[in-house]
C-alpha cells in the first residue's frame, strides 16, 4: 500500500509487501509529517508481481482529513 498526499512528493510512505496471501492484513501504523486539516490522503493498493510482469493496480481511494481525523 502506498499512502501519500497528492502533489507532495516528500509526504509519502509505503507499507511492506505481503506475499502469497489472498487476504492480507497489514496492521501498520504510519505518520506523514506535515499533514494538515484540508489535506487529502491517497491510498494505492498494488498486486506485486515478479519481473517482467508489471505490478497490477488493485484499487485507489482518497480521503479528506475530515473523513478520519
N, C-alpha and C. Protein backbone atom coordinates (compact mmCIF):
# COMPACT_ATOMS: atom_id res chain seq x y z
N UNK A 1 0.85 -1.17 0.00
CA UNK A 1 0.00 0.00 0.00
C UNK A 1 0.90 1.23 0.00
N UNK A 2 0.61 2.17 -0.87
CA UNK A 2 1.29 3.46 -0.92
C UNK A 2 0.32 4.50 -0.38
N UNK A 3 0.76 5.26 0.61
CA UNK A 3 -0.06 6.32 1.20
C UNK A 3 0.64 7.64 0.93
N UNK A 4 -0.07 8.60 0.37
CA UNK A 4 0.58 9.86 0.02
C UNK A 4 -0.40 11.03 0.01
N UNK A 5 0.16 12.22 0.15
CA UNK A 5 -0.59 13.45 -0.07
C UNK A 5 -0.27 13.85 -1.51
N UNK A 6 -1.26 13.77 -2.40
CA UNK A 6 -1.01 14.07 -3.82
C UNK A 6 -0.35 15.43 -4.01
N UNK A 7 0.68 15.45 -4.86
CA UNK A 7 1.39 16.68 -5.17
C UNK A 7 2.49 17.03 -4.18
N UNK A 8 2.66 16.23 -3.12
CA UNK A 8 3.69 16.48 -2.10
C UNK A 8 4.61 15.26 -2.04
N UNK A 9 5.62 15.23 -2.87
CA UNK A 9 6.49 14.05 -3.01
C UNK A 9 7.09 13.56 -1.70
N UNK A 10 7.40 14.47 -0.77
CA UNK A 10 8.02 14.03 0.50
C UNK A 10 7.00 13.54 1.52
N UNK A 11 5.71 13.74 1.24
CA UNK A 11 4.65 13.31 2.17
C UNK A 11 4.08 11.99 1.68
N UNK A 12 4.85 10.91 1.93
CA UNK A 12 4.52 9.62 1.34
C UNK A 12 5.20 8.50 2.11
N UNK A 13 4.55 7.34 2.24
CA UNK A 13 5.21 6.15 2.72
C UNK A 13 4.59 4.93 2.07
N UNK A 14 5.29 3.81 2.17
CA UNK A 14 4.82 2.56 1.58
C UNK A 14 4.94 1.45 2.61
N UNK A 15 3.91 0.63 2.72
CA UNK A 15 3.96 -0.50 3.64
C UNK A 15 4.76 -1.65 3.02
N UNK A 16 5.07 -2.64 3.83
CA UNK A 16 5.79 -3.80 3.32
C UNK A 16 4.87 -4.62 2.41
N UNK A 17 5.49 -5.41 1.55
CA UNK A 17 4.74 -6.32 0.67
C UNK A 17 4.42 -7.58 1.46
N UNK A 18 3.18 -8.04 1.37
CA UNK A 18 2.77 -9.30 1.99
C UNK A 18 2.59 -10.29 0.85
N UNK A 19 3.47 -11.28 0.80
CA UNK A 19 3.50 -12.22 -0.32
C UNK A 19 2.57 -13.42 -0.12
N UNK A 20 2.04 -13.90 -1.23
CA UNK A 20 1.27 -15.15 -1.28
C UNK A 20 0.11 -15.18 -0.28
N UNK A 21 -0.66 -14.11 -0.24
CA UNK A 21 -1.78 -14.02 0.70
C UNK A 21 -2.96 -13.37 -0.02
N UNK A 22 -4.10 -14.07 -0.09
CA UNK A 22 -5.28 -13.52 -0.76
C UNK A 22 -6.02 -12.51 0.10
N UNK A 23 -5.84 -12.56 1.42
CA UNK A 23 -6.50 -11.64 2.34
C UNK A 23 -5.47 -11.03 3.30
N UNK A 24 -4.59 -10.20 2.78
CA UNK A 24 -3.53 -9.64 3.63
C UNK A 24 -4.07 -8.70 4.70
N UNK A 25 -3.42 -8.72 5.85
CA UNK A 25 -3.72 -7.80 6.94
C UNK A 25 -2.41 -7.09 7.27
N UNK A 26 -2.41 -5.76 7.20
CA UNK A 26 -1.18 -5.02 7.39
C UNK A 26 -0.95 -4.64 8.86
N UNK A 27 -1.96 -4.23 9.58
CA UNK A 27 -1.78 -3.74 10.95
C UNK A 27 -0.59 -2.79 11.04
N UNK A 28 -0.54 -1.85 10.14
CA UNK A 28 0.57 -0.91 10.02
C UNK A 28 0.13 0.47 10.49
N UNK A 29 0.98 1.10 11.26
CA UNK A 29 0.73 2.48 11.67
C UNK A 29 1.83 3.35 11.09
N UNK A 30 1.45 4.37 10.38
CA UNK A 30 2.42 5.29 9.79
C UNK A 30 2.01 6.72 10.05
N UNK A 31 2.95 7.62 9.88
CA UNK A 31 2.67 9.03 10.09
C UNK A 31 3.31 9.84 8.97
N UNK A 32 2.58 10.81 8.47
CA UNK A 32 3.12 11.70 7.45
C UNK A 32 3.30 13.07 8.10
N UNK A 33 4.56 13.42 8.31
CA UNK A 33 4.89 14.70 8.94
C UNK A 33 4.38 15.85 8.07
N UNK A 34 3.76 16.82 8.70
CA UNK A 34 3.26 17.99 7.99
C UNK A 34 1.84 17.85 7.48
N UNK A 35 1.20 16.68 7.70
CA UNK A 35 -0.18 16.51 7.27
C UNK A 35 -1.07 17.46 8.04
N UNK A 36 -1.93 18.17 7.33
CA UNK A 36 -2.77 19.19 7.96
C UNK A 36 -4.22 19.01 7.57
N UNK A 37 -5.10 19.57 8.38
CA UNK A 37 -6.52 19.59 8.06
C UNK A 37 -6.69 20.23 6.68
N UNK A 38 -7.47 19.60 5.85
CA UNK A 38 -7.65 20.09 4.48
C UNK A 38 -6.84 19.30 3.47
N UNK A 39 -5.79 18.58 3.93
CA UNK A 39 -5.01 17.73 3.04
C UNK A 39 -5.81 16.49 2.67
N UNK A 40 -5.43 15.87 1.61
CA UNK A 40 -6.04 14.62 1.14
C UNK A 40 -5.01 13.51 1.26
N UNK A 41 -5.44 12.35 1.78
CA UNK A 41 -4.59 11.16 1.78
C UNK A 41 -5.07 10.24 0.66
N UNK A 42 -4.13 9.80 -0.15
CA UNK A 42 -4.46 8.87 -1.23
C UNK A 42 -3.82 7.52 -0.92
N UNK A 43 -4.61 6.47 -0.95
CA UNK A 43 -4.15 5.10 -0.71
C UNK A 43 -4.19 4.35 -2.03
N UNK A 44 -3.08 3.73 -2.41
CA UNK A 44 -2.99 2.95 -3.64
C UNK A 44 -2.58 1.53 -3.27
N UNK A 45 -3.39 0.55 -3.66
CA UNK A 45 -3.10 -0.86 -3.37
C UNK A 45 -2.71 -1.54 -4.67
N UNK A 46 -1.53 -2.17 -4.64
CA UNK A 46 -1.00 -2.84 -5.83
C UNK A 46 -0.79 -4.33 -5.55
N UNK A 47 -0.88 -5.13 -6.60
CA UNK A 47 -0.52 -6.54 -6.55
C UNK A 47 0.92 -6.64 -7.06
N UNK A 48 1.82 -7.12 -6.21
CA UNK A 48 3.24 -7.21 -6.56
C UNK A 48 3.49 -8.45 -7.41
N UNK A 49 4.08 -8.27 -8.57
CA UNK A 49 4.40 -9.37 -9.46
C UNK A 49 5.91 -9.46 -9.67
N UNK A 50 6.34 -10.58 -10.21
CA UNK A 50 7.77 -10.75 -10.49
C UNK A 50 8.07 -10.27 -11.91
N UNK A 51 9.26 -9.76 -12.07
CA UNK A 51 9.71 -9.26 -13.37
C UNK A 51 9.69 -10.38 -14.38
N UNK A 52 9.25 -10.21 -15.57
CA UNK A 52 8.99 -8.96 -16.27
C UNK A 52 7.53 -8.50 -16.20
N UNK A 53 6.70 -9.22 -15.47
CA UNK A 53 5.28 -8.85 -15.37
C UNK A 53 5.14 -7.60 -14.50
N UNK A 54 4.42 -6.57 -14.98
CA UNK A 54 4.27 -5.35 -14.18
C UNK A 54 3.30 -5.55 -13.02
N UNK A 55 3.47 -4.76 -11.97
CA UNK A 55 2.55 -4.78 -10.83
C UNK A 55 1.17 -4.32 -11.29
N UNK A 56 0.12 -4.90 -10.69
CA UNK A 56 -1.25 -4.56 -11.07
C UNK A 56 -1.89 -3.64 -10.03
N UNK A 57 -2.59 -2.61 -10.50
CA UNK A 57 -3.35 -1.73 -9.62
C UNK A 57 -4.61 -2.46 -9.17
N UNK A 58 -4.78 -2.63 -7.85
CA UNK A 58 -5.98 -3.28 -7.32
C UNK A 58 -7.04 -2.26 -6.92
N UNK A 59 -6.60 -1.08 -6.49
CA UNK A 59 -7.57 -0.06 -6.11
C UNK A 59 -6.90 1.18 -5.58
N UNK A 60 -7.67 2.25 -5.58
CA UNK A 60 -7.17 3.55 -5.12
C UNK A 60 -8.33 4.28 -4.47
N UNK A 61 -8.05 4.96 -3.35
CA UNK A 61 -9.07 5.76 -2.69
C UNK A 61 -8.40 7.00 -2.10
N UNK A 62 -9.14 8.10 -2.09
CA UNK A 62 -8.67 9.34 -1.48
C UNK A 62 -9.61 9.72 -0.35
N UNK A 63 -9.04 10.11 0.78
CA UNK A 63 -9.83 10.53 1.93
C UNK A 63 -9.42 11.93 2.36
N UNK A 64 -10.40 12.75 2.67
CA UNK A 64 -10.15 14.06 3.26
C UNK A 64 -9.84 13.87 4.75
N UNK A 65 -9.11 14.78 5.33
CA UNK A 65 -8.78 14.69 6.76
C UNK A 65 -10.04 14.55 7.60
N UNK A 66 -11.10 15.22 7.23
CA UNK A 66 -12.37 15.16 7.99
C UNK A 66 -12.98 13.75 7.99
N UNK A 67 -12.58 12.90 7.04
CA UNK A 67 -13.11 11.54 6.97
C UNK A 67 -12.56 10.64 8.08
N UNK A 68 -11.42 11.01 8.65
CA UNK A 68 -10.79 10.13 9.65
C UNK A 68 -10.14 10.86 10.81
N UNK A 69 -9.99 12.16 10.75
CA UNK A 69 -9.23 12.91 11.75
C UNK A 69 -10.14 13.50 12.80
